[in-house]
Amino acid sequence: MTRWSLWRDTHTHTTFFVVACDWTDGKVFNRHHHQFNCAKIPRKKKYLSPVIIDMCSNFTVTSEIHTENCNEISSNAEEYSIITAFSFIYPRYMAAELKNNYPKYDEDDDLIVNRKKEGKLLIEHSISTELKFVGLQVWRGALLLADYILANPKIFEHKTILELGSGVGLTSIVASFLANEVICTDINLDGILEMINRNVQRNSEFVRAKLNVMALDFLNCNWSTFLIEKLTKTTIILAADVIYDIDITKGFVNTLEKLLGDDSSRTAYIALEKRYVFTINDLDSVAPMYEEFLRSIVKQNLNWNIKMIDLDFPQYFHYDRVKQMILMKIQKQI
């Protein structure tokens, strides 16, 4: 199973985290098939060193999407970035619209037939980053949420949609297939907003809605007047894989509370993947950020109606829809 685990190198006696690895007979293989001679840290407390420091911030993490989607088309987009073609199958209603378009011909005057009825989003993103910059990568939650949007056009068409923590903008671009307006937000840090704008331009043929890219920081709710005006028109809120750090998680809950307010008609759809990690406190594999998210809601006594959405809707994008994935629908209870 894919998880974050604590291991010790038997040669250098160094404790470190291995993310999304495969292990067999005491040997660890990372995603590049580099072998480490390692032993997993025992779960019994007497075997644990009292001074195991949190080293996550000193390591880079890589999304599983990079191994599940091998359609890299360029590594020269921007420094440390690549462009990947994310293929998706057109839903029936989109395929029907394509049939009504004028026919296209190639340079030999032959009719171009889209037999597979597939589209491709060209998305610039990073391959690996430090934890604080994971928004520069593409994660499964973004594709799960994109699938849900495509599978439920009646929910999203003609709506004003806000995405929180948009990352590279993939989900917002998909939302723009159906919405009247999309407000795509993230923190203005390390070129994230500029990358979103580049991705919007690359995929302009798919963008049908008015799409605004704006800064919104979970840890700073002093929003500009212009942003507030945009937010008041919002009826649907989206967020994918924004729960990965305690402070960010608390800030996200505060932001969501402010946005939902007392408006029971405003709906949030939150996609995430439970990330399991072995912790010293629990002496077990747990999903700490998911549990912190739920604790934050309980601590603040938020009167939210939370519904877990079944993941049996069609899959249009290529990724592993693992059992650890969750999609929540959240509304304010009045």
Protein backbone atom coordinates (compact mmCIF):
# COMPACT_ATOMS: atom_id res chain seq x y z
CA MET A 1 0.00 0.00 0.00
CA THR A 2 1.16 3.52 -0.73
CA ARG A 3 1.99 5.41 2.44
CA TRP A 4 4.57 7.54 4.18
CA SER A 5 6.78 5.42 6.42
CA LEU A 6 9.70 5.90 8.79
CA TRP A 7 12.81 3.89 7.89
CA ARG A 8 16.43 3.62 9.01
CA ASP A 9 19.35 3.11 6.61
CA THR A 10 21.25 0.07 7.98
CA HIS A 11 24.51 1.30 6.50
CA THR A 12 24.56 4.95 7.60
CA HIS A 13 22.12 4.48 10.51
CA THR A 14 20.18 7.51 9.28
CA THR A 15 16.46 7.80 9.99
CA PHE A 16 14.39 9.14 7.12
CA PHE A 17 10.95 9.14 5.53
CA VAL A 18 10.16 7.17 2.40
CA VAL A 19 7.15 8.37 0.44
CA ALA A 20 5.09 6.10 -1.80
CA CYS A 21 7.59 3.27 -2.00
CA ASP A 22 7.49 -0.50 -2.48
CA TRP A 23 9.29 -2.73 -0.04
CA THR A 24 10.23 -6.41 -0.18
CA ASP A 25 12.40 -8.51 2.16
CA GLY A 26 13.82 -5.55 4.02
CA LYS A 27 14.80 -3.63 0.92
CA VAL A 28 13.23 -0.36 -0.21
CA PHE A 29 12.82 0.76 -3.81
CA ASN A 30 11.86 4.34 -4.57
CA ARG A 31 9.89 5.41 -7.64
CA HIS A 32 13.11 5.50 -9.70
CA HIS A 33 13.87 1.89 -8.67
CA HIS A 34 16.94 2.94 -6.68
CA GLN A 35 17.51 0.35 -3.96
CA PHE A 36 18.25 1.17 -0.34
CA ASN A 37 19.36 -1.37 2.27
CA CYS A 38 16.90 -0.47 4.99
CA ALA A 39 15.05 -1.80 7.97
CA LYS A 40 11.65 -0.47 8.91
CA ILE A 41 11.55 1.20 12.33
CA PRO A 42 9.81 -1.25 14.73
CA ARG A 43 6.53 -0.09 16.16
CA LYS A 44 7.43 -1.04 19.73
CA LYS A 45 8.34 2.03 21.70
CA LYS A 46 11.47 0.51 23.26
CA TYR A 47 13.12 0.33 19.82
CA LEU A 48 12.50 3.97 18.95
CA SER A 49 15.17 6.60 19.41
CA PRO A 50 14.02 9.44 21.72
CA VAL A 51 15.53 11.94 19.31
CA ILE A 52 13.85 11.29 15.97
CA ILE A 53 13.36 14.72 14.49
CA ASP A 54 10.78 15.72 11.94
CA MET A 55 12.75 15.74 8.70
CA CYS A 56 9.84 16.07 6.25
CA SER A 57 10.58 19.73 5.54
CA ASN A 58 14.13 18.85 4.41
CA PHE A 59 13.02 16.33 1.81
CA THR A 60 11.28 16.72 -1.51
CA VAL A 61 8.05 14.90 -2.24
CA THR A 62 6.77 13.67 -5.59
CA SER A 63 3.16 13.12 -6.56
CA GLU A 64 2.15 9.64 -7.67
CA ILE A 65 0.61 11.22 -10.76
CA HIS A 66 4.09 11.54 -12.27
CA THR A 67 4.35 7.73 -12.45
CA GLU A 68 0.69 7.11 -13.32
CA ASN A 69 0.64 9.61 -16.18
CA CYS A 70 3.63 9.21 -18.51
CA ASN A 71 2.66 11.83 -21.07
CA GLU A 72 5.42 14.36 -20.48
CA ILE A 73 5.84 16.42 -23.63
CA SER A 74 8.33 19.08 -22.55
CA SER A 75 10.85 19.64 -19.80
CA ASN A 76 11.76 23.17 -20.85
CA ALA A 77 8.61 25.05 -19.84
CA GLU A 78 10.17 26.99 -16.99
CA GLU A 79 13.04 26.20 -14.66
CA TYR A 80 12.28 23.05 -12.61
CA SER A 81 8.97 22.54 -14.47
CA ILE A 82 7.64 20.20 -17.13
CA ILE A 83 4.53 20.17 -19.31
CA THR A 84 2.38 17.04 -19.19
CA ALA A 85 -0.55 16.15 -21.43
CA PHE A 86 -3.43 15.01 -19.22
CA SER A 87 -5.79 13.08 -21.48
CA PHE A 88 -9.46 12.80 -20.68
CA ILE A 89 -12.42 11.10 -22.31
CA TYR A 90 -15.15 13.48 -23.39
CA PRO A 91 -18.41 12.94 -21.49
CA ARG A 92 -21.35 12.16 -23.78
CA TYR A 93 -22.72 15.68 -23.64
CA MET A 94 -19.34 17.12 -24.72
CA ALA A 95 -18.92 14.49 -27.44
CA ALA A 96 -22.35 15.43 -28.80
CA GLU A 97 -21.26 19.06 -29.01
CA LEU A 98 -18.16 18.03 -30.96
CA LYS A 99 -20.33 16.33 -33.58
CA ASN A 100 -22.09 19.63 -34.18
CA ASN A 101 -18.83 21.47 -34.85
CA TYR A 102 -17.62 22.09 -38.35
CA PRO A 103 -15.48 19.21 -39.72
CA LYS A 104 -11.70 19.62 -39.65
CA TYR A 105 -9.26 18.53 -42.34
CA ASP A 106 -5.53 17.83 -42.32
CA GLU A 107 -2.94 19.22 -44.75
CA ASP A 108 -3.81 16.48 -47.28
CA ASP A 109 -7.45 17.58 -47.17
CA ASP A 110 -8.44 14.38 -45.34
CA LEU A 111 -11.18 14.53 -42.72
CA ILE A 112 -9.84 14.43 -39.16
CA VAL A 113 -11.89 11.94 -37.12
CA ASN A 114 -11.57 11.92 -33.34
CA ARG A 115 -12.34 8.22 -32.88
CA LYS A 116 -11.43 8.07 -29.22
CA LYS A 117 -13.25 11.30 -28.42
CA GLU A 118 -10.43 12.39 -26.15
CA GLY A 119 -9.17 15.79 -25.15
CA LYS A 120 -5.80 16.78 -23.72
CA LEU A 121 -4.99 19.44 -21.16
CA LEU A 122 -1.41 20.69 -21.33
CA ILE A 123 -0.42 21.37 -17.73
CA GLU A 124 2.84 22.88 -16.57
CA HIS A 125 3.88 21.61 -13.14
CA SER A 126 6.84 20.61 -11.01
CA ILE A 127 7.97 16.99 -10.65
CA SER A 128 9.06 17.21 -7.03
CA THR A 129 9.06 19.99 -4.45
CA GLU A 130 9.53 20.70 -0.79
CA LEU A 131 6.38 20.15 1.23
CA LYS A 132 5.53 23.86 1.35
CA PHE A 133 5.49 24.05 -2.47
CA VAL A 134 3.41 20.93 -3.20
CA GLY A 135 0.84 23.16 -4.91
CA LEU A 136 3.22 23.28 -7.88
CA GLN A 137 2.52 19.59 -8.51
CA VAL A 138 -0.58 17.74 -9.73
CA TRP A 139 -2.21 15.41 -7.20
CA ARG A 140 -4.91 12.76 -7.48
CA GLY A 141 -7.47 14.88 -5.66
CA ALA A 142 -7.48 17.43 -8.49
CA LEU A 143 -8.29 14.72 -11.03
CA LEU A 144 -10.94 13.15 -8.79
CA LEU A 145 -12.65 16.52 -8.44
CA ALA A 146 -12.32 17.12 -12.19
CA ASP A 147 -14.02 13.77 -12.82
CA TYR A 148 -16.87 14.68 -10.49
CA ILE A 149 -17.39 17.99 -12.30
CA LEU A 150 -17.52 16.31 -15.71
CA ALA A 151 -19.86 13.61 -14.39
CA ASN A 152 -22.32 16.15 -12.92
CA PRO A 153 -22.81 18.99 -15.43
CA LYS A 154 -26.18 20.02 -13.98
CA ILE A 155 -24.52 20.90 -10.65
CA PHE A 156 -21.81 23.09 -12.14
CA GLU A 157 -23.12 24.58 -15.38
CA HIS A 158 -23.77 28.34 -15.40
CA LYS A 159 -22.49 28.67 -11.81
CA THR A 160 -19.91 31.01 -10.27
CA ILE A 161 -17.25 28.71 -8.87
CA LEU A 162 -14.38 29.44 -6.48
CA GLU A 163 -11.42 27.09 -6.18
CA LEU A 164 -9.23 27.33 -3.08
CA GLY A 165 -5.60 26.24 -3.25
CA SER A 166 -5.81 25.77 -7.00
CA GLY A 167 -2.18 24.74 -7.41
CA VAL A 168 -1.47 24.56 -11.15
CA GLY A 169 -5.11 25.28 -12.05
CA LEU A 170 -6.16 21.96 -13.59
CA THR A 171 -9.46 21.64 -11.70
CA SER A 172 -10.39 25.28 -12.35
CA ILE A 173 -9.78 24.78 -16.06
CA VAL A 174 -12.11 21.75 -16.05
CA ALA A 175 -14.72 23.73 -14.08
CA SER A 176 -14.55 26.40 -16.79
CA PHE A 177 -15.94 23.86 -19.29
CA LEU A 178 -19.33 24.32 -17.61
CA ALA A 179 -19.35 27.34 -15.30
CA ASN A 180 -20.32 30.92 -16.00
CA GLU A 181 -17.33 32.24 -14.03
CA VAL A 182 -14.41 30.60 -12.21
CA ILE A 183 -12.32 32.30 -9.53
CA CYS A 184 -9.06 30.39 -9.31
CA THR A 185 -7.10 31.22 -6.14
CA ASP A 186 -3.90 30.28 -4.38
CA ILE A 187 -1.17 31.91 -2.34
CA ASN A 188 0.99 34.36 -4.27
CA LEU A 189 4.24 32.48 -3.66
CA ASP A 190 7.02 30.99 -5.76
CA GLY A 191 5.32 31.74 -9.08
CA ILE A 192 2.17 29.68 -8.46
CA LEU A 193 -0.23 32.31 -9.84
CA GLU A 194 1.99 32.91 -12.88
CA MET A 195 2.03 29.16 -13.57
CA ILE A 196 -1.77 29.02 -13.36
CA ASN A 197 -2.05 31.86 -15.88
CA ARG A 198 0.28 30.06 -18.27
CA ASN A 199 -1.79 26.88 -17.98
CA VAL A 200 -5.00 28.81 -18.65
CA GLN A 201 -3.45 30.26 -21.81
CA ARG A 202 -2.21 26.84 -22.95
CA ASN A 203 -5.70 25.43 -22.67
CA SER A 204 -7.68 28.44 -23.88
CA GLU A 205 -9.54 26.29 -26.42
CA PHE A 206 -11.27 24.52 -23.52
CA VAL A 207 -11.89 27.55 -21.31
CA ARG A 208 -15.48 28.68 -21.86
CA ALA A 209 -16.12 30.59 -18.64
CA LYS A 210 -14.69 33.86 -17.45
CA LEU A 211 -11.66 32.73 -15.45
CA ASN A 212 -9.97 34.99 -12.89
CA VAL A 213 -6.68 34.06 -11.20
CA MET A 214 -6.34 35.76 -7.81
CA ALA A 215 -4.30 35.53 -4.61
CA LEU A 216 -5.94 34.05 -1.52
CA ASP A 217 -3.94 32.98 1.54
CA PHE A 218 -5.54 30.63 4.08
CA LEU A 219 -3.46 32.26 6.82
CA ASN A 220 -4.56 35.80 5.97
CA CYS A 221 -8.30 36.46 5.80
CA ASN A 222 -7.88 40.22 5.24
CA TRP A 223 -9.15 39.99 1.68
CA SER A 224 -9.22 42.85 -0.79
CA THR A 225 -12.50 44.57 -1.62
CA PHE A 226 -12.28 43.30 -5.20
CA LEU A 227 -11.82 39.70 -4.03
CA ILE A 228 -14.72 40.00 -1.57
CA GLU A 229 -16.97 41.27 -4.37
CA LYS A 230 -16.07 38.22 -6.43
CA LEU A 231 -16.58 35.85 -3.52
CA THR A 232 -20.08 37.14 -2.74
CA LYS A 233 -21.22 35.85 -6.14
CA THR A 234 -19.84 32.37 -5.50
CA THR A 235 -22.27 29.47 -5.19
CA ILE A 236 -19.82 26.55 -5.36
CA ILE A 237 -16.44 26.16 -3.62
CA LEU A 238 -13.85 23.61 -4.73
CA ALA A 239 -10.67 22.42 -3.02
CA ALA A 240 -8.42 19.45 -3.79
CA ASP A 241 -5.57 18.09 -1.67
CA VAL A 242 -5.11 21.26 0.38
CA ILE A 243 -4.79 19.40 3.70
CA TYR A 244 -1.13 18.51 4.25
CA ASP A 245 0.12 20.73 7.09
CA ILE A 246 -1.34 21.55 10.52
CA ASP A 247 -1.27 25.34 10.14
CA ILE A 248 -2.54 25.18 6.55
CA THR A 249 -5.32 22.81 7.61
CA LYS A 250 -6.47 25.13 10.39
CA GLY A 251 -6.27 28.10 8.03
CA PHE A 252 -8.27 26.23 5.41
CA VAL A 253 -11.04 25.46 7.94
CA ASN A 254 -11.13 29.14 8.98
CA THR A 255 -11.30 30.23 5.34
CA LEU A 256 -14.07 27.78 4.57
CA GLU A 257 -16.01 28.91 7.64
CA LYS A 258 -15.82 32.52 6.48
CA LEU A 259 -16.90 31.61 2.95
CA LEU A 260 -19.82 29.41 3.96
CA GLY A 261 -21.01 31.96 6.52
CA ASP A 262 -24.75 31.62 7.08
CA ASP A 263 -25.54 30.81 3.46
CA SER A 264 -26.95 27.28 3.32
CA SER A 265 -27.20 27.46 -0.48
CA ARG A 266 -23.41 27.70 -0.90
CA THR A 267 -21.78 24.29 -1.33
CA ALA A 268 -18.17 23.16 -0.94
CA TYR A 269 -16.72 20.06 -2.59
CA ILE A 270 -13.47 18.91 -0.97
CA ALA A 271 -11.34 16.14 -2.50
CA LEU A 272 -8.39 14.63 -0.70
CA GLU A 273 -6.38 11.48 -0.26
CA LYS A 274 -5.72 10.13 3.20
CA ARG A 275 -1.94 10.16 3.60
CA TYR A 276 -0.82 7.54 6.07
CA VAL A 277 2.31 8.00 8.14
CA PHE A 278 3.83 6.08 11.03
CA THR A 279 3.82 8.35 14.08
CA ILE A 280 5.62 7.98 17.38
CA ASN A 281 2.66 9.25 19.39
CA ASP A 282 0.25 6.71 17.94
CA LEU A 283 2.78 3.93 17.30
CA ASP A 284 0.68 3.15 14.28
CA SER A 285 0.01 4.24 10.70
CA VAL A 286 -2.53 7.06 10.77
CA ALA A 287 -3.77 9.85 8.49
CA PRO A 288 -2.85 12.82 10.71
CA MET A 289 -3.85 15.70 8.43
CA TYR A 290 -7.26 14.22 7.64
CA GLU A 291 -7.84 13.67 11.35
CA GLU A 292 -6.62 17.21 12.11
CA PHE A 293 -9.14 18.54 9.58
CA LEU A 294 -11.99 16.74 11.36
CA ARG A 295 -10.69 17.83 14.79
CA SER A 296 -10.59 21.47 13.68
CA ILE A 297 -14.23 21.29 12.62
CA VAL A 298 -15.25 19.78 15.97
CA LYS A 299 -13.14 22.20 18.04
CA GLN A 300 -14.72 25.22 16.38
CA ASN A 301 -18.18 23.72 16.79
CA LEU A 302 -18.96 24.41 13.15
CA ASN A 303 -22.52 23.68 12.19
CA TRP A 304 -21.68 21.99 8.92
CA ASN A 305 -23.53 19.24 7.13
CA ILE A 306 -20.81 16.94 5.77
CA LYS A 307 -21.69 14.22 3.28
CA MET A 308 -19.24 11.66 1.90
CA ILE A 309 -19.84 11.26 -1.83
CA ASP A 310 -19.64 7.77 -3.33
CA LEU A 311 -16.78 7.50 -5.82
CA ASP A 312 -18.72 5.36 -8.28
CA PHE A 313 -19.08 8.15 -10.87
CA PRO A 314 -17.30 7.78 -14.24
CA GLN A 315 -13.55 8.27 -14.49
CA TYR A 316 -12.52 10.51 -17.38
CA PHE A 317 -8.88 11.23 -16.46
CA HIS A 318 -6.14 8.62 -16.14
CA TYR A 319 -5.01 8.05 -12.52
CA ASP A 320 -5.36 5.43 -9.81
CA ARG A 321 -8.59 6.09 -7.92
CA VAL A 322 -7.34 4.44 -4.73
CA LYS A 323 -9.53 3.58 -1.76
CA GLN A 324 -7.84 6.26 0.37
CA MET A 325 -9.45 8.99 -1.73
CA ILE A 326 -12.34 11.00 -0.29
CA LEU A 327 -14.80 13.49 -1.75
CA MET A 328 -16.87 15.55 0.69
CA LYS A 329 -19.86 17.80 0.16
CA ILE A 330 -20.10 20.50 2.86
CA GLN A 331 -22.92 22.96 3.50
CA LYS A 332 -23.84 25.24 6.37
CA GLN A 333 -26.73 23.95 8.47
CA ILE A 334 -29.22 26.68 9.31
